[in-house]
């Protein structure tokens, strides 16, 4: 189980880093939304032990928070 959790966290982290590389043409609010979603996904995965539902839920909550911070 530990190996799967580390693999999930690593994969999500790489996806976040690569995804944020495409943020050059985005508005500041869009960048904050994307960053919040990425951070939320990692947090959700960690808190739920790599559960897909926890990862998606964390991404949704993080994206909403990032969007509100960007206003």
N, C-alpha and C. Protein backbone atom coordinates (compact mmCIF):
# COMPACT_ATOMS: atom_id res chain seq x y z
N UNK A 1 0.81 -1.19 0.00
CA UNK A 1 0.00 0.00 0.00
C UNK A 1 0.86 1.26 0.00
N UNK A 2 1.94 1.26 0.75
CA UNK A 2 2.82 2.43 0.79
C UNK A 2 3.40 2.73 -0.59
N UNK A 3 3.76 1.69 -1.32
CA UNK A 3 4.33 1.88 -2.65
C UNK A 3 3.31 2.53 -3.59
N UNK A 4 2.08 2.07 -3.51
CA UNK A 4 1.02 2.63 -4.37
C UNK A 4 0.77 4.09 -4.00
N UNK A 5 0.78 4.42 -2.73
CA UNK A 5 0.56 5.80 -2.29
C UNK A 5 1.68 6.70 -2.79
N UNK A 6 2.92 6.26 -2.67
CA UNK A 6 4.05 7.04 -3.15
C UNK A 6 3.99 7.22 -4.66
N UNK A 7 3.59 6.17 -5.36
CA UNK A 7 3.47 6.25 -6.82
C UNK A 7 2.38 7.24 -7.22
N UNK A 8 1.26 7.21 -6.52
CA UNK A 8 0.17 8.14 -6.82
C UNK A 8 0.58 9.58 -6.58
N UNK A 9 1.21 9.82 -5.45
CA UNK A 9 1.65 11.18 -5.13
C UNK A 9 2.68 11.66 -6.15
N UNK A 10 3.60 10.80 -6.52
CA UNK A 10 4.60 11.16 -7.52
C UNK A 10 3.98 11.47 -8.87
N UNK A 11 3.03 10.64 -9.29
CA UNK A 11 2.38 10.86 -10.59
C UNK A 11 1.57 12.15 -10.60
N UNK A 12 0.86 12.40 -9.53
CA UNK A 12 0.07 13.64 -9.45
C UNK A 12 0.99 14.85 -9.42
N UNK A 13 2.09 14.76 -8.71
CA UNK A 13 3.04 15.87 -8.63
C UNK A 13 3.63 16.19 -10.00
N UNK A 14 4.00 15.16 -10.74
CA UNK A 14 4.55 15.36 -12.08
C UNK A 14 3.50 15.98 -13.00
N UNK A 15 2.27 15.51 -12.90
CA UNK A 15 1.19 16.06 -13.73
C UNK A 15 0.95 17.53 -13.41
N UNK A 16 1.03 17.88 -12.14
CA UNK A 16 0.83 19.28 -11.74
C UNK A 16 1.94 20.15 -12.32
N UNK A 17 3.17 19.70 -12.19
CA UNK A 17 4.30 20.50 -12.69
C UNK A 17 4.20 20.67 -14.20
N UNK A 18 3.90 19.60 -14.92
CA UNK A 18 3.77 19.71 -16.37
C UNK A 18 2.57 20.56 -16.77
N UNK A 19 1.49 20.43 -16.03
CA UNK A 19 0.30 21.22 -16.32
C UNK A 19 0.51 22.70 -16.10
N UNK A 20 1.24 23.05 -15.07
CA UNK A 20 1.49 24.46 -14.79
C UNK A 20 2.43 25.09 -15.80
N UNK A 21 3.16 24.26 -16.54
CA UNK A 21 4.04 24.78 -17.59
C UNK A 21 3.25 25.42 -18.72
N UNK A 22 1.99 25.04 -18.88
CA UNK A 22 1.15 25.59 -19.93
C UNK A 22 0.36 26.82 -19.51
N UNK A 23 0.69 27.39 -18.38
CA UNK A 23 -0.08 28.52 -17.82
C UNK A 23 0.37 29.88 -18.34
N UNK A 24 1.27 29.94 -19.29
CA UNK A 24 1.84 31.22 -19.72
C UNK A 24 0.77 32.17 -20.28
N UNK A 25 -0.21 31.67 -21.00
CA UNK A 25 -1.21 32.52 -21.61
C UNK A 25 -2.46 32.68 -20.76
N UNK A 26 -2.45 32.19 -19.55
CA UNK A 26 -3.64 32.25 -18.69
C UNK A 26 -3.67 33.53 -17.86
N UNK A 27 -4.87 33.92 -17.48
CA UNK A 27 -5.00 35.06 -16.57
C UNK A 27 -4.52 34.63 -15.19
N UNK A 28 -4.30 35.60 -14.33
CA UNK A 28 -3.83 35.31 -12.97
C UNK A 28 -4.85 34.45 -12.21
N UNK A 29 -6.13 34.73 -12.41
CA UNK A 29 -7.17 33.97 -11.72
C UNK A 29 -7.18 32.52 -12.22
N UNK A 30 -7.00 32.32 -13.52
CA UNK A 30 -6.94 30.96 -14.06
C UNK A 30 -5.72 30.20 -13.54
N UNK A 31 -4.60 30.91 -13.41
CA UNK A 31 -3.40 30.27 -12.86
C UNK A 31 -3.63 29.84 -11.42
N UNK A 32 -4.27 30.70 -10.63
CA UNK A 32 -4.56 30.36 -9.24
C UNK A 32 -5.52 29.17 -9.16
N UNK A 33 -6.49 29.11 -10.07
CA UNK A 33 -7.42 27.99 -10.09
C UNK A 33 -6.68 26.68 -10.38
N UNK A 34 -5.81 26.71 -11.39
CA UNK A 34 -5.05 25.51 -11.75
C UNK A 34 -4.11 25.08 -10.63
N UNK A 35 -3.43 26.03 -10.03
CA UNK A 35 -2.52 25.70 -8.93
C UNK A 35 -3.29 25.15 -7.74
N UNK A 36 -4.43 25.75 -7.42
CA UNK A 36 -5.25 25.27 -6.32
C UNK A 36 -5.75 23.86 -6.57
N UNK A 37 -6.15 23.58 -7.81
CA UNK A 37 -6.62 22.24 -8.15
C UNK A 37 -5.50 21.21 -8.01
N UNK A 38 -4.31 21.58 -8.46
CA UNK A 38 -3.17 20.65 -8.34
C UNK A 38 -2.80 20.38 -6.90
N UNK A 39 -2.73 21.43 -6.12
CA UNK A 39 -2.38 21.27 -4.70
C UNK A 39 -3.48 20.50 -3.98
N UNK A 40 -4.73 20.80 -4.30
CA UNK A 40 -5.85 20.09 -3.69
C UNK A 40 -5.86 18.62 -4.05
N UNK A 41 -5.51 18.29 -5.29
CA UNK A 41 -5.46 16.89 -5.71
C UNK A 41 -4.40 16.12 -4.92
N UNK A 42 -3.24 16.71 -4.76
CA UNK A 42 -2.18 16.06 -3.98
C UNK A 42 -2.62 15.91 -2.53
N UNK A 43 -3.20 16.96 -1.97
CA UNK A 43 -3.67 16.89 -0.59
C UNK A 43 -4.76 15.85 -0.40
N UNK A 44 -5.69 15.80 -1.34
CA UNK A 44 -6.76 14.80 -1.27
C UNK A 44 -6.23 13.39 -1.37
N UNK A 45 -5.24 13.19 -2.23
CA UNK A 45 -4.64 11.86 -2.38
C UNK A 45 -3.93 11.44 -1.10
N UNK A 46 -3.23 12.37 -0.50
CA UNK A 46 -2.48 12.06 0.73
C UNK A 46 -3.45 11.75 1.87
N UNK A 47 -4.46 12.58 2.03
CA UNK A 47 -5.39 12.41 3.15
C UNK A 47 -6.24 11.16 3.05
N UNK A 48 -6.51 10.70 1.83
CA UNK A 48 -7.37 9.53 1.67
C UNK A 48 -6.59 8.28 1.28
N UNK A 49 -5.29 8.34 1.35
CA UNK A 49 -4.48 7.16 1.03
C UNK A 49 -4.47 6.81 -0.45
N UNK A 50 -4.60 7.79 -1.31
CA UNK A 50 -4.53 7.54 -2.75
C UNK A 50 -5.86 7.24 -3.39
N UNK A 51 -6.96 7.43 -2.69
CA UNK A 51 -8.29 7.19 -3.22
C UNK A 51 -8.57 8.13 -4.39
N UNK A 52 -9.15 7.60 -5.45
CA UNK A 52 -9.48 8.43 -6.61
C UNK A 52 -10.51 9.48 -6.24
N UNK A 53 -11.48 9.10 -5.44
CA UNK A 53 -12.51 10.04 -5.02
C UNK A 53 -11.92 11.17 -4.18
N UNK A 54 -11.00 10.84 -3.31
CA UNK A 54 -10.33 11.86 -2.49
C UNK A 54 -9.49 12.80 -3.34
N UNK A 55 -8.82 12.26 -4.36
CA UNK A 55 -8.00 13.07 -5.25
C UNK A 55 -8.86 14.04 -6.05
N UNK A 56 -9.96 13.55 -6.61
CA UNK A 56 -10.85 14.40 -7.40
C UNK A 56 -11.53 15.43 -6.50
N UNK A 57 -11.96 15.01 -5.32
CA UNK A 57 -12.59 15.94 -4.38
C UNK A 57 -11.62 17.03 -3.96
N UNK A 58 -10.38 16.65 -3.68
CA UNK A 58 -9.36 17.63 -3.31
C UNK A 58 -9.08 18.60 -4.43
N UNK A 59 -9.06 18.11 -5.66
CA UNK A 59 -8.83 18.98 -6.81
C UNK A 59 -9.97 19.98 -6.96
N UNK A 60 -11.20 19.52 -6.76
CA UNK A 60 -12.35 20.41 -6.89
C UNK A 60 -12.32 21.50 -5.82
N UNK A 61 -12.10 21.10 -4.59
CA UNK A 61 -12.07 22.07 -3.50
C UNK A 61 -10.89 23.04 -3.69
N UNK A 62 -9.73 22.51 -4.04
CA UNK A 62 -8.56 23.36 -4.26
C UNK A 62 -8.76 24.34 -5.40
N UNK A 63 -9.42 23.88 -6.47
CA UNK A 63 -9.69 24.77 -7.59
C UNK A 63 -10.62 25.90 -7.22
N UNK A 64 -11.63 25.60 -6.42
CA UNK A 64 -12.56 26.64 -5.98
C UNK A 64 -11.84 27.65 -5.09
N UNK A 65 -11.03 27.15 -4.17
CA UNK A 65 -10.29 28.06 -3.28
C UNK A 65 -9.31 28.91 -4.09
N UNK A 66 -8.59 28.29 -5.03
CA UNK A 66 -7.66 29.04 -5.87
C UNK A 66 -8.35 30.11 -6.69
N UNK A 67 -9.53 29.81 -7.19
CA UNK A 67 -10.28 30.79 -7.99
C UNK A 67 -10.72 31.98 -7.13
N UNK A 68 -11.16 31.68 -5.91
CA UNK A 68 -11.60 32.76 -5.02
C UNK A 68 -10.44 33.63 -4.57
N UNK A 69 -9.29 33.02 -4.36
CA UNK A 69 -8.10 33.78 -3.95
C UNK A 69 -7.67 34.71 -5.10
N UNK A 70 -7.87 34.26 -6.33
CA UNK A 70 -7.45 35.03 -7.49
C UNK A 70 -8.34 36.23 -7.81
N UNK A 71 -9.45 36.38 -7.13
CA UNK A 71 -10.36 37.50 -7.44
C UNK A 71 -9.82 38.80 -6.92
